[in-house]
Amino acid sequence: MTGKDSSLSSKEALMGTKPGREILKQGLFKSAGYRLYSKYKDEYEAEFPAFRRRFAEGLLEQIKSDPDPAETQKIFAREVGSDIMALGSSEAEAAKARLGDPTVLKDRVDRITDSNFVKMTFPVFSALYDAAASIDGRDDPGLRRDLVEGHIIAIDLSEPMDRIMDRDEDIEYLDDYRLMNPYILNMARAKIARGGKEVLRVFEEGFREAREGQRLDVELKSRPTGITGEEMEESYKKYRSVMGTAGRNMALDNSRLGEAFYTGMAGAAEGVGCGNEIEDSIRDAAVKVPSWPLYYALSSGSVRRGFELAMERGRQYLRDARLGMGMLPEGFEYRDFLEFLFLSVEHYNEHWYGRLQKSGLWDKLEAGLPVAGP
């Protein structure tokens, strides 16, 4: 298993959940899913430093060669529909000067790539690409690298954007992140375009939908007691569209396989989103706004019940993800890999829910719930 918190994959943590015990069992007997998962995890760990280096070098080249970074900022802000993403001329020049130092830029890249979604999905995209290649006979290592890295970079764009919107992390680096954002998107598009016009079109549509989800997510922060279930589902486009689209594009022009990959990755990402909301609520000692736990807590009148229902929502998303497996071709050799992946998501969610049960935070979470105005 991969992610920022290595304790999640410790033997003690795995023994603490039913899916974790199944993971240990599969590891002991070296199941097909475990062997494939380990293969791609090892590849990711070996290649990740080189990916970070290429990422930083590509950004540095763009930053240094841009004659008008302030205008680049304005164009990006208009595209994503958020004025707070842009820097003024003097701030843009100051950030450009700072990030012209390769050591400084490397630090910023390392910070934003230290992300659960990046670390958890890097090996998955590689496996999906290889799964599709095994069916259509594709053999192009350069295309594989660009397509996987392009989608990882696009996903990673959410890290600096979220930090700018939420102002809850790396406050002193937010101007640097603003400067980096359009160049990150440019790099993602250039790599993804290697897959062809249709692959790029699918990415652009997914990116547009993800922005809609993110925009709604920000809006819901301002009216936490008025959130509807329909709005929560819509805001989850920030997970569903990005991950589902990336999964679909790993299959290139195999539309049948791409649809199965979309279903599996979208559901898995939404499932992880529920676990992430629980993890963040523990970290902040407050129910995350917006989130399924908050929606259900306010609807049911009970924080405990809210988190119980959020866990059930996560299980529902994973049931949707597993529907994608039923769409796979007969004898699909990566089926066991996907089942092991979904098992890992289940463990992630159960682990954080178990941590919440032992945290002693219930009274504090209850007291901190937002109250509707008069």
Protein backbone atom coordinates (compact mmCIF):
# COMPACT_ATOMS: atom_id res chain seq x y z
CA MET A 1 0.00 0.00 0.00
CA THR A 2 1.16 3.51 -0.72
CA GLY A 3 0.47 6.92 0.78
CA LYS A 4 1.83 9.62 3.06
CA ASP A 5 1.11 7.75 6.29
CA SER A 6 3.23 4.59 6.35
CA SER A 7 1.55 3.47 9.58
CA LEU A 8 -1.54 2.68 7.50
CA SER A 9 0.24 -0.36 6.05
CA SER A 10 1.86 -1.54 9.28
CA LYS A 11 1.02 -5.05 10.45
CA GLU A 12 -0.75 -3.61 13.49
CA ALA A 13 -2.94 -1.38 11.34
CA LEU A 14 -3.73 -4.15 8.88
CA MET A 15 -4.66 -6.52 11.70
CA GLY A 16 -7.11 -3.89 12.93
CA THR A 17 -9.54 -4.15 10.00
CA LYS A 18 -11.23 -7.03 8.20
CA PRO A 19 -9.94 -5.98 4.74
CA GLY A 20 -6.50 -5.41 6.28
CA ARG A 21 -6.43 -8.99 7.55
CA GLU A 22 -7.38 -10.17 4.07
CA ILE A 23 -4.48 -8.09 2.67
CA LEU A 24 -2.10 -9.79 5.11
CA LYS A 25 -3.47 -13.18 4.11
CA GLN A 26 -2.97 -12.44 0.42
CA GLY A 27 0.54 -11.22 1.17
CA LEU A 28 1.34 -14.39 3.09
CA PHE A 29 0.16 -16.64 0.26
CA LYS A 30 1.45 -14.33 -2.50
CA SER A 31 -1.87 -14.09 -4.30
CA ALA A 32 -2.00 -12.92 -7.92
CA GLY A 33 -3.45 -9.55 -6.86
CA TYR A 34 -0.78 -9.08 -4.20
CA ARG A 35 2.05 -9.92 -6.65
CA LEU A 36 0.80 -7.45 -9.24
CA TYR A 37 0.19 -4.74 -6.66
CA SER A 38 3.68 -5.24 -5.24
CA LYS A 39 5.21 -5.10 -8.72
CA TYR A 40 3.67 -1.70 -9.49
CA LYS A 41 4.29 -0.36 -6.01
CA ASP A 42 8.00 -1.24 -6.33
CA GLU A 43 8.13 0.37 -9.78
CA TYR A 44 6.50 3.55 -8.45
CA GLU A 45 8.92 3.79 -5.52
CA ALA A 46 11.91 3.34 -7.84
CA GLU A 47 10.69 5.83 -10.45
CA PHE A 48 9.09 8.51 -8.27
CA PRO A 49 12.30 10.51 -7.60
CA ALA A 50 12.99 10.69 -11.36
CA PHE A 51 9.40 11.78 -12.00
CA ARG A 52 9.76 14.57 -9.45
CA ARG A 53 13.01 15.67 -11.10
CA ARG A 54 11.43 15.75 -14.59
CA PHE A 55 8.43 17.61 -13.16
CA ALA A 56 10.63 20.30 -11.58
CA GLU A 57 12.85 20.62 -14.66
CA GLY A 58 9.83 21.05 -16.94
CA LEU A 59 8.37 23.74 -14.69
CA LEU A 60 11.69 25.55 -14.44
CA GLU A 61 12.00 25.71 -18.21
CA GLN A 62 8.50 27.20 -18.56
CA ILE A 63 8.93 29.68 -15.73
CA LYS A 64 12.22 31.02 -17.03
CA SER A 65 11.02 31.31 -20.62
CA ASP A 66 7.73 33.10 -19.88
CA PRO A 67 8.11 36.81 -20.75
CA ASP A 68 4.84 37.82 -19.04
CA PRO A 69 3.99 35.58 -16.04
CA ALA A 70 1.30 38.00 -14.83
CA GLU A 71 -0.63 37.57 -18.09
CA THR A 72 -0.22 33.80 -17.83
CA GLN A 73 -1.76 34.06 -14.37
CA LYS A 74 -4.76 35.99 -15.63
CA ILE A 75 -5.43 33.48 -18.40
CA PHE A 76 -5.29 30.57 -15.95
CA ALA A 77 -7.54 32.33 -13.43
CA ARG A 78 -10.15 32.96 -16.15
CA GLU A 79 -10.02 29.33 -17.25
CA VAL A 80 -10.56 27.92 -13.76
CA GLY A 81 -13.05 30.66 -12.85
CA SER A 82 -11.27 31.93 -9.75
CA ASP A 83 -9.68 35.36 -9.42
CA ILE A 84 -7.79 34.34 -6.27
CA MET A 85 -5.62 32.05 -8.40
CA ALA A 86 -3.94 35.04 -10.09
CA LEU A 87 -0.99 37.18 -9.01
CA GLY A 88 -0.45 40.84 -9.75
CA SER A 89 2.53 41.89 -11.86
CA SER A 90 4.92 42.60 -8.99
CA GLU A 91 3.93 39.43 -7.09
CA ALA A 92 4.32 37.34 -10.24
CA GLU A 93 7.80 38.71 -10.91
CA ALA A 94 8.83 38.11 -7.30
CA ALA A 95 7.57 34.51 -7.41
CA LYS A 96 9.31 33.97 -10.76
CA ALA A 97 12.58 35.16 -9.23
CA ARG A 98 12.20 32.80 -6.26
CA LEU A 99 11.27 29.80 -8.35
CA GLY A 100 14.09 30.47 -10.79
CA ASP A 101 16.27 28.86 -8.14
CA PRO A 102 16.11 25.09 -8.90
CA THR A 103 16.51 24.24 -5.21
CA VAL A 104 13.51 26.36 -4.23
CA LEU A 105 11.39 24.97 -7.06
CA LYS A 106 12.32 21.41 -6.15
CA ASP A 107 11.12 22.06 -2.60
CA ARG A 108 7.75 23.28 -3.86
CA VAL A 109 7.38 20.30 -6.21
CA ASP A 110 8.27 17.90 -3.41
CA ARG A 111 5.64 19.52 -1.19
CA ILE A 112 2.77 19.21 -3.64
CA THR A 113 3.69 15.70 -4.79
CA ASP A 114 3.71 14.51 -1.17
CA SER A 115 0.06 13.69 -1.69
CA ASN A 116 -2.01 10.60 -0.92
CA PHE A 117 -3.86 10.81 -4.23
CA VAL A 118 -0.59 11.03 -6.18
CA LYS A 119 1.10 8.25 -4.26
CA MET A 120 -1.92 5.96 -4.23
CA THR A 121 -2.74 6.36 -7.93
CA PHE A 122 0.67 6.40 -9.62
CA PRO A 123 1.05 2.59 -9.54
CA VAL A 124 -2.61 2.13 -10.45
CA PHE A 125 -2.38 4.11 -13.70
CA SER A 126 0.74 2.20 -14.72
CA ALA A 127 -1.07 -1.08 -14.14
CA LEU A 128 -4.16 0.03 -16.08
CA TYR A 129 -2.03 1.14 -19.02
CA ASP A 130 -0.23 -2.21 -19.07
CA ALA A 131 -3.55 -4.05 -18.75
CA ALA A 132 -4.87 -2.33 -21.87
CA ALA A 133 -1.55 -2.79 -23.68
CA SER A 134 -1.67 -6.53 -22.99
CA ILE A 135 -4.94 -6.69 -24.93
CA ASP A 136 -4.13 -4.53 -27.95
CA GLY A 137 -0.40 -5.35 -28.24
CA ARG A 138 0.70 -1.79 -27.60
CA ASP A 139 4.44 -1.41 -26.88
CA ASP A 140 5.53 2.21 -26.48
CA PRO A 141 7.38 2.94 -23.20
CA GLY A 142 7.57 6.67 -23.98
CA LEU A 143 3.82 6.93 -24.51
CA ARG A 144 3.22 4.93 -21.32
CA ARG A 145 5.36 7.29 -19.28
CA ASP A 146 3.84 10.45 -20.74
CA LEU A 147 0.25 9.29 -20.43
CA VAL A 148 0.67 8.13 -16.83
CA GLU A 149 2.73 11.14 -15.76
CA GLY A 150 0.44 13.59 -17.58
CA HIS A 151 -2.57 12.43 -15.61
CA ILE A 152 -0.61 12.30 -12.35
CA ILE A 153 0.52 15.89 -12.91
CA ALA A 154 -3.07 16.93 -13.66
CA ILE A 155 -4.24 15.31 -10.42
CA ASP A 156 -1.40 16.97 -8.56
CA LEU A 157 -2.61 20.37 -9.75
CA SER A 158 -5.42 20.02 -7.21
CA GLU A 159 -2.87 20.14 -4.36
CA PRO A 160 -1.66 23.76 -4.81
CA MET A 161 -5.14 24.90 -5.86
CA ASP A 162 -6.73 23.40 -2.75
CA ARG A 163 -4.10 24.98 -0.51
CA ILE A 164 -4.75 28.37 -2.09
CA MET A 165 -8.51 28.01 -1.66
CA ASP A 166 -8.42 26.58 1.88
CA ARG A 167 -5.41 28.50 3.24
CA ASP A 168 -4.79 25.65 5.68
CA GLU A 169 -1.32 24.53 4.61
CA ASP A 170 1.93 26.06 3.29
CA ILE A 171 0.58 29.60 3.75
CA GLU A 172 4.01 31.12 3.08
CA TYR A 173 4.24 29.39 -0.33
CA LEU A 174 0.82 30.20 -1.78
CA ASP A 175 2.13 32.86 -4.20
CA ASP A 176 4.68 30.36 -5.48
CA TYR A 177 1.89 27.84 -6.03
CA ARG A 178 -0.15 30.44 -7.90
CA LEU A 179 2.75 31.00 -10.26
CA MET A 180 3.26 27.25 -10.77
CA ASN A 181 -0.36 26.35 -11.50
CA PRO A 182 -0.65 27.30 -15.20
CA TYR A 183 2.68 25.68 -16.01
CA ILE A 184 1.61 22.47 -14.26
CA LEU A 185 -1.52 22.40 -16.41
CA ASN A 186 0.50 23.10 -19.56
CA MET A 187 2.83 20.20 -18.79
CA ALA A 188 -0.07 17.82 -18.10
CA ARG A 189 -1.76 18.74 -21.38
CA ALA A 190 1.42 18.34 -23.41
CA LYS A 191 2.02 14.83 -22.06
CA ILE A 192 -1.60 13.70 -22.33
CA ALA A 193 -1.80 14.99 -25.93
CA ARG A 194 0.66 12.27 -26.91
CA GLY A 195 -2.26 9.85 -26.59
CA GLY A 196 -4.09 11.56 -29.47
CA LYS A 197 -6.88 14.09 -29.96
CA GLU A 198 -9.60 11.95 -28.41
CA VAL A 199 -7.56 11.26 -25.27
CA LEU A 200 -6.91 14.99 -24.87
CA ARG A 201 -10.59 15.77 -25.46
CA VAL A 202 -11.63 13.27 -22.78
CA PHE A 203 -9.12 14.82 -20.37
CA GLU A 204 -10.37 18.35 -21.02
CA GLU A 205 -13.97 17.29 -20.40
CA GLY A 206 -12.98 15.57 -17.15
CA PHE A 207 -10.95 18.59 -16.06
CA ARG A 208 -13.94 20.87 -16.72
CA GLU A 209 -16.24 18.66 -14.64
CA ALA A 210 -13.68 18.45 -11.83
CA ARG A 211 -13.52 22.27 -11.73
CA GLU A 212 -17.31 22.36 -11.41
CA GLY A 213 -17.09 20.00 -8.46
CA GLN A 214 -14.35 22.06 -6.85
CA ARG A 215 -16.25 25.30 -7.40
CA LEU A 216 -19.30 23.84 -5.69
CA ASP A 217 -17.12 22.49 -2.86
CA VAL A 218 -15.90 26.03 -2.17
CA GLU A 219 -19.41 27.44 -2.32
CA LEU A 220 -20.71 24.86 0.18
CA LYS A 221 -18.14 25.98 2.75
CA SER A 222 -20.06 29.25 3.07
CA ARG A 223 -23.42 27.58 3.83
CA PRO A 224 -22.64 24.33 5.64
CA THR A 225 -26.10 23.89 7.18
CA GLY A 226 -27.89 24.17 3.84
CA ILE A 227 -26.04 21.43 1.94
CA THR A 228 -28.22 18.94 0.07
CA GLY A 229 -27.36 15.36 -0.80
CA GLU A 230 -27.59 16.22 -4.48
CA GLU A 231 -25.01 18.98 -4.02
CA MET A 232 -22.66 16.66 -2.14
CA GLU A 233 -22.89 14.15 -4.96
CA GLU A 234 -22.22 16.89 -7.49
CA SER A 235 -19.20 18.17 -5.55
CA TYR A 236 -17.70 14.68 -5.69
CA LYS A 237 -16.96 15.33 -9.36
CA LYS A 238 -13.65 16.61 -7.98
CA TYR A 239 -12.82 12.93 -7.34
CA ARG A 240 -14.97 11.11 -9.89
CA SER A 241 -14.15 13.10 -13.01
CA VAL A 242 -10.40 13.31 -12.52
CA MET A 243 -9.80 9.68 -11.57
CA GLY A 244 -12.44 8.19 -13.84
CA THR A 245 -11.16 10.14 -16.82
CA ALA A 246 -7.57 9.09 -16.14
CA GLY A 247 -8.66 5.46 -15.92
CA ARG A 248 -10.56 5.74 -19.21
CA ASN A 249 -7.57 7.30 -20.97
CA MET A 250 -5.22 4.49 -19.95
CA ALA A 251 -7.19 2.34 -22.40
CA LEU A 252 -6.64 4.85 -25.25
CA ASP A 253 -9.10 3.95 -28.05
CA ASN A 254 -10.46 0.76 -26.48
CA SER A 255 -13.82 2.26 -25.52
CA ARG A 256 -15.21 -0.89 -23.90
CA LEU A 257 -12.22 -1.30 -21.61
CA GLY A 258 -12.09 2.46 -21.02
CA GLU A 259 -15.68 2.46 -19.75
CA ALA A 260 -14.87 -0.34 -17.28
CA PHE A 261 -11.76 1.53 -16.10
CA TYR A 262 -13.80 4.73 -15.69
CA THR A 263 -16.40 2.98 -13.54
CA GLY A 264 -13.78 1.32 -11.35
CA MET A 265 -11.56 4.36 -10.84
CA ALA A 266 -14.43 6.81 -10.32
CA GLY A 267 -16.00 4.63 -7.64
CA ALA A 268 -12.67 3.94 -5.94
CA ALA A 269 -11.81 7.66 -5.86
CA GLU A 270 -15.18 8.53 -4.36
CA GLY A 271 -14.71 5.79 -1.78
CA VAL A 272 -11.31 7.20 -0.82
CA GLY A 273 -12.92 10.64 -0.61
CA CYS A 274 -15.18 9.40 2.21
CA GLY A 275 -12.20 8.00 4.12
CA ASN A 276 -10.29 11.22 3.58
CA GLU A 277 -13.14 13.22 5.11
CA ILE A 278 -12.92 11.06 8.23
CA GLU A 279 -9.13 11.39 8.37
CA ASP A 280 -9.35 15.19 8.03
CA SER A 281 -12.05 15.40 10.71
CA ILE A 282 -9.74 13.59 13.15
CA ARG A 283 -6.79 15.82 12.22
CA ASP A 284 -8.77 19.03 12.68
CA ALA A 285 -10.94 17.80 15.60
CA ALA A 286 -13.91 19.16 13.66
CA VAL A 287 -16.28 17.64 11.11
CA LYS A 288 -14.99 18.60 7.67
CA VAL A 289 -16.98 21.20 5.73
CA PRO A 290 -18.36 20.16 3.30
CA SER A 291 -18.39 16.38 3.71
CA TRP A 292 -20.69 13.40 3.82
CA PRO A 293 -20.19 13.06 7.61
CA LEU A 294 -21.38 16.67 8.02
CA TYR A 295 -24.36 16.22 5.72
CA TYR A 296 -25.48 13.05 7.49
CA ALA A 297 -24.77 14.42 10.99
CA LEU A 298 -26.96 17.47 10.36
CA SER A 299 -29.65 15.40 8.64
CA SER A 300 -29.83 12.75 11.38
CA GLY A 301 -29.13 15.00 14.36
CA SER A 302 -26.21 12.83 15.48
CA VAL A 303 -22.48 13.07 14.77
CA ARG A 304 -21.99 9.36 15.43
CA ARG A 305 -24.78 8.49 13.03
CA GLY A 306 -23.34 10.93 10.50
CA PHE A 307 -20.03 9.10 10.37
CA GLU A 308 -21.74 5.70 10.27
CA LEU A 309 -23.74 6.77 7.22
CA ALA A 310 -20.65 8.31 5.61
CA MET A 311 -18.94 4.93 5.93
CA GLU A 312 -21.93 3.29 4.27
CA ARG A 313 -21.73 5.88 1.49
CA GLY A 314 -18.06 4.90 1.00
CA ARG A 315 -19.06 1.23 0.79
CA GLN A 316 -21.69 2.15 -1.79
CA TYR A 317 -19.08 3.89 -3.91
CA LEU A 318 -16.90 0.80 -3.73
CA ARG A 319 -19.81 -1.39 -4.79
CA ASP A 320 -20.12 0.89 -7.81
CA ALA A 321 -16.39 0.49 -8.45
CA ARG A 322 -16.70 -3.28 -8.40
CA LEU A 323 -19.41 -3.08 -11.05
CA GLY A 324 -16.61 -2.03 -13.36
CA MET A 325 -14.97 -5.42 -12.84
CA GLY A 326 -18.08 -7.08 -14.25
CA MET A 327 -17.57 -5.08 -17.45
CA LEU A 328 -14.05 -6.44 -18.01
CA PRO A 329 -13.30 -8.98 -20.76
CA GLU A 330 -13.44 -12.66 -19.87
CA GLY A 331 -10.11 -13.87 -18.51
CA PHE A 332 -8.84 -10.33 -17.88
CA GLU A 333 -5.50 -10.93 -16.16
CA TYR A 334 -5.52 -7.70 -14.11
CA ARG A 335 -8.85 -8.42 -12.41
CA ASP A 336 -7.05 -9.64 -9.27
CA PHE A 337 -5.01 -6.43 -9.18
CA LEU A 338 -8.17 -4.32 -9.18
CA GLU A 339 -9.76 -6.41 -6.46
CA PHE A 340 -6.65 -5.96 -4.32
CA LEU A 341 -6.82 -2.21 -4.99
CA PHE A 342 -10.44 -2.02 -3.83
CA LEU A 343 -9.51 -4.07 -0.76
CA SER A 344 -6.84 -1.45 0.03
CA VAL A 345 -9.42 1.34 -0.23
CA GLU A 346 -11.70 -0.56 2.14
CA HIS A 347 -8.86 -0.89 4.62
CA TYR A 348 -8.05 2.83 4.34
CA ASN A 349 -11.63 3.78 5.20
CA GLU A 350 -12.05 1.20 7.97
CA HIS A 351 -8.70 2.19 9.50
CA TRP A 352 -9.64 5.86 9.86
CA TYR A 353 -13.13 5.05 11.06
CA GLY A 354 -11.60 2.79 13.72
CA ARG A 355 -9.21 5.59 14.71
CA LEU A 356 -12.18 7.92 15.07
CA GLN A 357 -13.99 5.46 17.34
CA LYS A 358 -10.99 5.44 19.69
CA SER A 359 -10.23 9.17 19.50
CA GLY A 360 -12.56 10.44 22.22
CA LEU A 361 -13.59 13.30 19.90
CA TRP A 362 -17.33 12.74 19.78
CA ASP A 363 -18.32 15.52 22.20
CA LYS A 364 -15.97 17.99 20.54
CA LEU A 365 -17.22 17.08 17.07
CA GLU A 366 -20.80 17.45 18.24
CA ALA A 367 -20.15 20.82 19.87
CA GLY A 368 -18.40 22.13 16.78
CA LEU A 369 -21.20 21.40 14.32
CA PRO A 370 -22.34 24.51 12.44
CA VAL A 371 -25.67 25.96 13.49
CA ALA A 372 -28.20 27.45 11.09
CA GLY A 373 -28.70 31.19 11.39
CA PRO A 374 -31.98 32.82 12.43
